[in-house]
Amino acid sequence: MVRASPHGARPLPFPEIDPVAFAIGPLVVRWYALAYLAGVLLGALYGRMLLKRRALWADNSPPFAPDDIWDFAFWAIIGIIVGGRVAYVLFYNLPQYLANPMEIFALWDGGMAFHGGMIGLMLAVILFTRKRGGNLLSSLDLLAAIGTIGIFLGRIANFINAELFGAPTDLPWGVVFPTDPLGVPRHPSQLYEAALEGLILFLVIRYATHVAHALRRPGLVAGIFGIGYGLSRFAVEFVRLPDAQLGYLYGGWLTMGQVLSLPMILAGLCLIAYAMRSRRA
């Protein structure tokens, strides 16, 4: 049963979207999986466009050839899956997986951590670029420029799955999620993250790359991404419910998502400082 908020605000109904996009016999394809694939595909298309514009890059030299982006797309998928799963196991539910180690491989049951997926992507693009003799910092810049597309689609998929929702709210855009046992209006924190970490950060980085020529200073775009994502995630975590098995940390005011975002912010600051001191422009 849906409960009205204490101030009488009428909650928004949850849109009737089946988490399953389609099924063919025993094969079930969910929107969440399609969001991952679409993020990689659209990111590769946008990345190829950036790689073709050599004037955007330091010394007119992108980290690798435009058509190599399709080879990297395969590396990216592996990096996202392995990194995201390993980080979730280590930081979010380690006791459960130590007791049941075979569940580590049950990806169909969910359980991925963005920060781990990003580390996996970073390792993938660094290894891929080293094999082609490109600039490693420029490859991280490329990843930062295209990564926001996948973040946006992934958070929309979280909303469709009615997962990772926020705390109760009296705001007029509070949503009653069908998976909420309390049936109260809650912050649609997935949409907050889609807007901040996906759309807005994409526009900021696009301005930096196309207007401010940030790609000419290797590491600058990656630094902007680190700070932008870290601050956005840290802010949204104040209204997003923490993982049930962890709860709030350090006296009840920090979440694991906030703890893991702090190194991203610090790394972003270091990258920007290094890029601005670089002689390349």
Protein backbone atom coordinates (compact mmCIF):
# COMPACT_ATOMS: atom_id res chain seq x y z
CA MET A 1 0.00 0.00 0.00
CA VAL A 2 1.29 3.48 -0.90
CA ARG A 3 1.50 5.82 2.06
CA ALA A 4 1.12 9.58 1.75
CA SER A 5 3.92 11.79 3.00
CA PRO A 6 3.53 13.53 6.37
CA HIS A 7 2.83 16.84 4.64
CA GLY A 8 0.22 15.43 2.29
CA ALA A 9 2.34 15.64 -0.87
CA ARG A 10 1.12 13.28 -3.56
CA PRO A 11 3.95 10.90 -4.57
CA LEU A 12 4.76 10.16 -8.17
CA PRO A 13 3.77 6.68 -9.32
CA PHE A 14 6.55 4.42 -10.51
CA PRO A 15 6.41 4.03 -14.31
CA GLU A 16 5.32 0.58 -15.42
CA ILE A 17 8.54 -0.52 -17.11
CA ASP A 18 9.41 -4.21 -17.05
CA PRO A 19 13.09 -4.69 -16.08
CA VAL A 20 13.15 -7.45 -18.69
CA ALA A 21 13.54 -5.91 -22.15
CA PHE A 22 12.67 -9.10 -23.98
CA ALA A 23 12.88 -12.86 -23.64
CA ILE A 24 13.46 -15.56 -26.23
CA GLY A 25 12.64 -18.90 -24.67
CA PRO A 26 14.95 -19.35 -21.65
CA LEU A 27 17.08 -16.37 -22.71
CA VAL A 28 16.11 -13.28 -20.70
CA VAL A 29 17.63 -9.92 -21.64
CA ARG A 30 17.28 -7.11 -19.11
CA TRP A 31 17.47 -3.37 -19.65
CA TYR A 32 20.44 -3.29 -17.27
CA ALA A 33 22.51 -5.50 -19.58
CA LEU A 34 21.43 -3.49 -22.61
CA ALA A 35 22.48 -0.29 -20.82
CA TYR A 36 26.01 -1.68 -20.42
CA LEU A 37 26.21 -2.69 -24.07
CA ALA A 38 24.72 0.59 -25.31
CA GLY A 39 27.12 2.55 -23.10
CA VAL A 40 30.10 0.76 -24.63
CA LEU A 41 28.78 1.12 -28.20
CA LEU A 42 27.84 4.81 -27.95
CA GLY A 43 31.03 5.54 -26.04
CA ALA A 44 33.07 3.88 -28.80
CA LEU A 45 31.29 5.90 -31.49
CA TYR A 46 31.89 9.16 -29.64
CA GLY A 47 35.47 8.15 -28.84
CA ARG A 48 36.17 7.42 -32.50
CA MET A 49 34.95 10.90 -33.37
CA LEU A 50 37.32 12.42 -30.81
CA LEU A 51 40.25 10.31 -32.00
CA LYS A 52 39.69 11.38 -35.61
CA ARG A 53 40.02 15.06 -34.65
CA ARG A 54 43.78 15.07 -34.22
CA ALA A 55 43.87 18.83 -33.56
CA LEU A 56 42.15 18.25 -30.22
CA TRP A 57 45.11 16.30 -28.84
CA ALA A 58 48.57 17.26 -27.61
CA ASP A 59 51.03 17.32 -30.49
CA ASN A 60 48.13 16.37 -32.80
CA SER A 61 48.62 12.82 -31.53
CA PRO A 62 45.65 10.88 -30.09
CA PRO A 63 46.49 7.89 -27.84
CA PHE A 64 45.67 5.38 -30.60
CA ALA A 65 44.12 5.18 -34.06
CA PRO A 66 40.38 5.89 -34.42
CA ASP A 67 39.49 2.41 -35.71
CA ASP A 68 41.31 0.79 -32.79
CA ILE A 69 38.43 1.92 -30.57
CA TRP A 70 36.47 -1.16 -31.64
CA ASP A 71 39.21 -3.45 -30.37
CA PHE A 72 39.30 -1.49 -27.14
CA ALA A 73 35.53 -1.90 -26.73
CA PHE A 74 36.10 -5.60 -26.03
CA TRP A 75 38.77 -4.76 -23.47
CA ALA A 76 36.39 -2.25 -21.91
CA ILE A 77 33.63 -4.82 -21.39
CA ILE A 78 36.06 -7.19 -19.66
CA GLY A 79 37.45 -4.38 -17.49
CA ILE A 80 34.01 -3.20 -16.41
CA ILE A 81 32.76 -6.68 -15.49
CA VAL A 82 35.88 -7.90 -13.70
CA GLY A 83 36.65 -4.62 -11.93
CA GLY A 84 33.06 -3.93 -10.93
CA ARG A 85 32.52 -7.43 -9.57
CA VAL A 86 35.82 -7.66 -7.67
CA ALA A 87 35.24 -4.29 -6.00
CA TYR A 88 31.70 -5.23 -4.99
CA VAL A 89 32.92 -8.49 -3.46
CA LEU A 90 35.77 -6.83 -1.56
CA PHE A 91 34.11 -3.65 -0.33
CA TYR A 92 30.38 -4.30 -0.18
CA ASN A 93 29.72 -7.93 0.79
CA LEU A 94 32.97 -9.77 1.53
CA PRO A 95 31.70 -11.96 4.43
CA GLN A 96 28.84 -13.26 2.27
CA TYR A 97 31.16 -14.25 -0.55
CA LEU A 98 33.78 -15.76 1.77
CA ALA A 99 31.05 -18.02 3.12
CA ASN A 100 29.77 -18.79 -0.41
CA PRO A 101 32.71 -18.34 -2.83
CA MET A 102 30.89 -19.77 -5.85
CA GLU A 103 28.41 -16.87 -5.66
CA ILE A 104 31.22 -14.57 -6.78
CA PHE A 105 30.64 -15.80 -10.32
CA ALA A 106 26.83 -15.42 -10.18
CA LEU A 107 26.78 -12.13 -12.07
CA TRP A 108 23.14 -12.63 -13.01
CA ASP A 109 22.19 -12.05 -9.36
CA GLY A 110 23.57 -8.49 -9.50
CA GLY A 111 26.29 -6.85 -7.48
CA MET A 112 28.62 -4.43 -9.30
CA ALA A 113 30.55 -1.46 -7.91
CA PHE A 114 31.07 1.58 -10.12
CA HIS A 115 34.43 2.50 -8.61
CA GLY A 116 35.75 -0.99 -9.34
CA GLY A 117 34.37 -0.90 -12.87
CA MET A 118 36.15 2.41 -13.43
CA ILE A 119 39.45 1.00 -12.15
CA GLY A 120 38.99 -1.98 -14.47
CA LEU A 121 38.40 0.38 -17.38
CA MET A 122 41.47 2.42 -16.49
CA LEU A 123 43.69 -0.67 -16.39
CA ALA A 124 42.22 -1.86 -19.68
CA VAL A 125 42.84 1.41 -21.51
CA ILE A 126 46.36 1.74 -20.08
CA LEU A 127 47.35 -1.76 -21.16
CA PHE A 128 45.67 -1.27 -24.54
CA THR A 129 47.43 2.06 -25.14
CA ARG A 130 50.84 0.73 -24.06
CA LYS A 131 50.63 -1.95 -26.74
CA ARG A 132 50.11 0.81 -29.30
CA GLY A 133 52.74 3.19 -27.95
CA GLY A 134 50.32 6.04 -27.18
CA ASN A 135 50.23 8.59 -24.38
CA LEU A 136 48.77 6.94 -21.26
CA LEU A 137 47.36 10.13 -19.77
CA SER A 138 45.67 10.98 -23.06
CA SER A 139 44.05 7.54 -23.03
CA LEU A 140 42.64 8.29 -19.57
CA ASP A 141 41.35 11.59 -20.93
CA LEU A 142 39.58 9.69 -23.72
CA LEU A 143 38.04 7.32 -21.17
CA ALA A 144 36.83 10.26 -19.09
CA ALA A 145 35.26 11.92 -22.12
CA ILE A 146 33.24 8.87 -23.13
CA GLY A 147 32.61 7.25 -19.74
CA THR A 148 29.80 9.59 -18.77
CA ILE A 149 27.60 8.07 -21.49
CA GLY A 150 27.68 4.67 -19.85
CA ILE A 151 27.11 6.18 -16.41
CA PHE A 152 23.98 7.95 -17.60
CA LEU A 153 22.51 4.81 -19.16
CA GLY A 154 23.48 2.67 -16.19
CA ARG A 155 21.72 4.93 -13.69
CA ILE A 156 18.60 4.96 -15.85
CA ALA A 157 18.72 1.16 -15.76
CA ASN A 158 19.02 1.28 -11.96
CA PHE A 159 15.82 3.33 -11.90
CA ILE A 160 14.03 0.85 -14.17
CA ASN A 161 15.14 -1.95 -11.82
CA ALA A 162 13.76 0.05 -8.85
CA GLU A 163 17.08 -0.41 -7.05
CA LEU A 164 19.52 1.90 -5.28
CA PHE A 165 16.73 4.34 -4.43
CA GLY A 166 16.97 7.11 -1.90
CA ALA A 167 15.73 8.01 1.56
CA PRO A 168 12.10 8.99 2.26
CA THR A 169 11.21 12.50 1.13
CA ASP A 170 8.33 14.99 1.21
CA LEU A 171 9.42 16.64 -2.04
CA PRO A 172 6.83 16.65 -4.83
CA TRP A 173 9.00 14.46 -7.08
CA GLY A 174 9.28 11.67 -4.51
CA VAL A 175 8.70 8.26 -6.12
CA VAL A 176 7.11 5.17 -4.60
CA PHE A 177 9.22 2.22 -5.76
CA PRO A 178 7.53 -1.17 -6.12
CA THR A 179 10.48 -2.87 -4.41
CA ASP A 180 10.16 -0.70 -1.28
CA PRO A 181 8.49 -2.69 1.52
CA LEU A 182 7.47 0.53 3.28
CA GLY A 183 5.74 1.98 0.20
CA VAL A 184 6.73 5.57 0.99
CA PRO A 185 7.85 8.36 -1.40
CA ARG A 186 11.63 8.32 -1.82
CA HIS A 187 14.31 10.34 -3.54
CA PRO A 188 14.86 9.01 -7.10
CA SER A 189 18.59 9.07 -6.39
CA GLN A 190 19.30 7.07 -9.55
CA LEU A 191 17.97 9.97 -11.63
CA TYR A 192 19.97 12.47 -9.59
CA GLU A 193 23.12 10.51 -10.43
CA ALA A 194 22.13 10.14 -14.09
CA ALA A 195 21.79 13.93 -14.30
CA LEU A 196 24.92 14.89 -12.32
CA GLU A 197 27.40 12.12 -13.11
CA GLY A 198 26.09 11.49 -16.61
CA LEU A 199 24.48 14.38 -18.45
CA ILE A 200 25.94 17.44 -16.70
CA LEU A 201 29.45 15.98 -16.40
CA PHE A 202 29.31 15.01 -20.09
CA LEU A 203 28.46 18.60 -21.03
CA VAL A 204 31.22 20.00 -18.79
CA ILE A 205 33.82 17.68 -20.30
CA ARG A 206 32.57 18.32 -23.84
CA TYR A 207 33.04 22.06 -23.25
CA ALA A 208 36.51 21.39 -21.88
CA THR A 209 37.53 19.26 -24.86
CA HIS A 210 35.98 21.25 -27.71
CA VAL A 211 36.17 24.84 -26.43
CA ALA A 212 38.90 24.96 -23.78
CA HIS A 213 41.17 22.49 -25.67
CA ALA A 214 41.73 20.48 -22.48
CA LEU A 215 42.90 17.37 -24.37
CA ARG A 216 46.05 19.26 -25.31
CA ARG A 217 47.13 18.93 -21.68
CA PRO A 218 47.22 15.17 -21.00
CA GLY A 219 45.54 14.28 -17.72
CA LEU A 220 43.38 17.40 -17.49
CA VAL A 221 40.12 15.86 -18.71
CA ALA A 222 40.66 12.79 -16.53
CA GLY A 223 41.16 15.11 -13.57
CA ILE A 224 37.94 16.97 -14.33
CA PHE A 225 36.09 13.66 -14.47
CA GLY A 226 37.56 12.47 -11.17
CA ILE A 227 36.53 15.62 -9.33
CA GLY A 228 33.16 15.91 -11.07
CA TYR A 229 32.12 12.33 -10.47
CA GLY A 230 33.52 12.20 -6.96
CA LEU A 231 31.72 15.34 -5.79
CA SER A 232 28.46 14.34 -7.50
CA ARG A 233 28.45 10.86 -5.99
CA PHE A 234 29.45 12.20 -2.56
CA ALA A 235 26.55 14.66 -2.60
CA VAL A 236 23.90 12.20 -3.82
CA GLU A 237 24.91 9.66 -1.18
CA PHE A 238 23.40 11.96 1.47
CA VAL A 239 19.92 11.14 0.10
CA ARG A 240 20.63 7.62 -1.22
CA LEU A 241 20.14 4.63 1.05
CA PRO A 242 23.39 2.77 1.80
CA ASP A 243 23.72 -0.92 1.07
CA ALA A 244 21.73 -2.84 3.67
CA GLN A 245 24.62 -5.12 4.64
CA LEU A 246 26.90 -2.13 5.32
CA GLY A 247 24.70 0.71 6.53
CA TYR A 248 26.38 3.97 7.49
CA LEU A 249 30.06 4.04 8.43
CA TYR A 250 32.23 6.06 10.79
CA GLY A 251 29.65 7.10 13.34
CA GLY A 252 26.66 6.91 11.03
CA TRP A 253 27.28 9.78 8.60
CA LEU A 254 29.35 8.35 5.76
CA THR A 255 28.59 5.61 3.22
CA MET A 256 30.96 3.29 1.38
CA GLY A 257 30.16 5.19 -1.83
CA GLN A 258 31.39 8.41 -0.22
CA VAL A 259 34.52 6.77 1.17
CA LEU A 260 35.43 5.39 -2.27
CA SER A 261 34.72 8.76 -3.92
CA LEU A 262 37.30 10.61 -1.84
CA PRO A 263 40.32 9.01 -3.59
CA MET A 264 38.75 9.90 -6.95
CA ILE A 265 38.52 13.56 -5.95
CA LEU A 266 42.12 13.55 -4.69
CA ALA A 267 43.37 11.82 -7.84
CA GLY A 268 41.46 14.35 -9.95
CA LEU A 269 43.11 17.25 -8.16
CA CYS A 270 46.55 15.70 -8.65
CA LEU A 271 45.93 15.10 -12.36
CA ILE A 272 44.76 18.67 -12.93
CA ALA A 273 47.77 20.05 -11.04
CA TYR A 274 50.13 17.91 -13.12
CA ALA A 275 48.41 18.77 -16.41
CA MET A 276 48.46 22.51 -15.75
CA ARG A 277 52.17 22.41 -14.93
CA SER A 278 52.96 20.44 -18.06
CA ARG A 279 54.68 22.31 -20.87
CA ARG A 280 52.45 20.67 -23.46
CA ALA A 281 49.57 22.84 -24.60
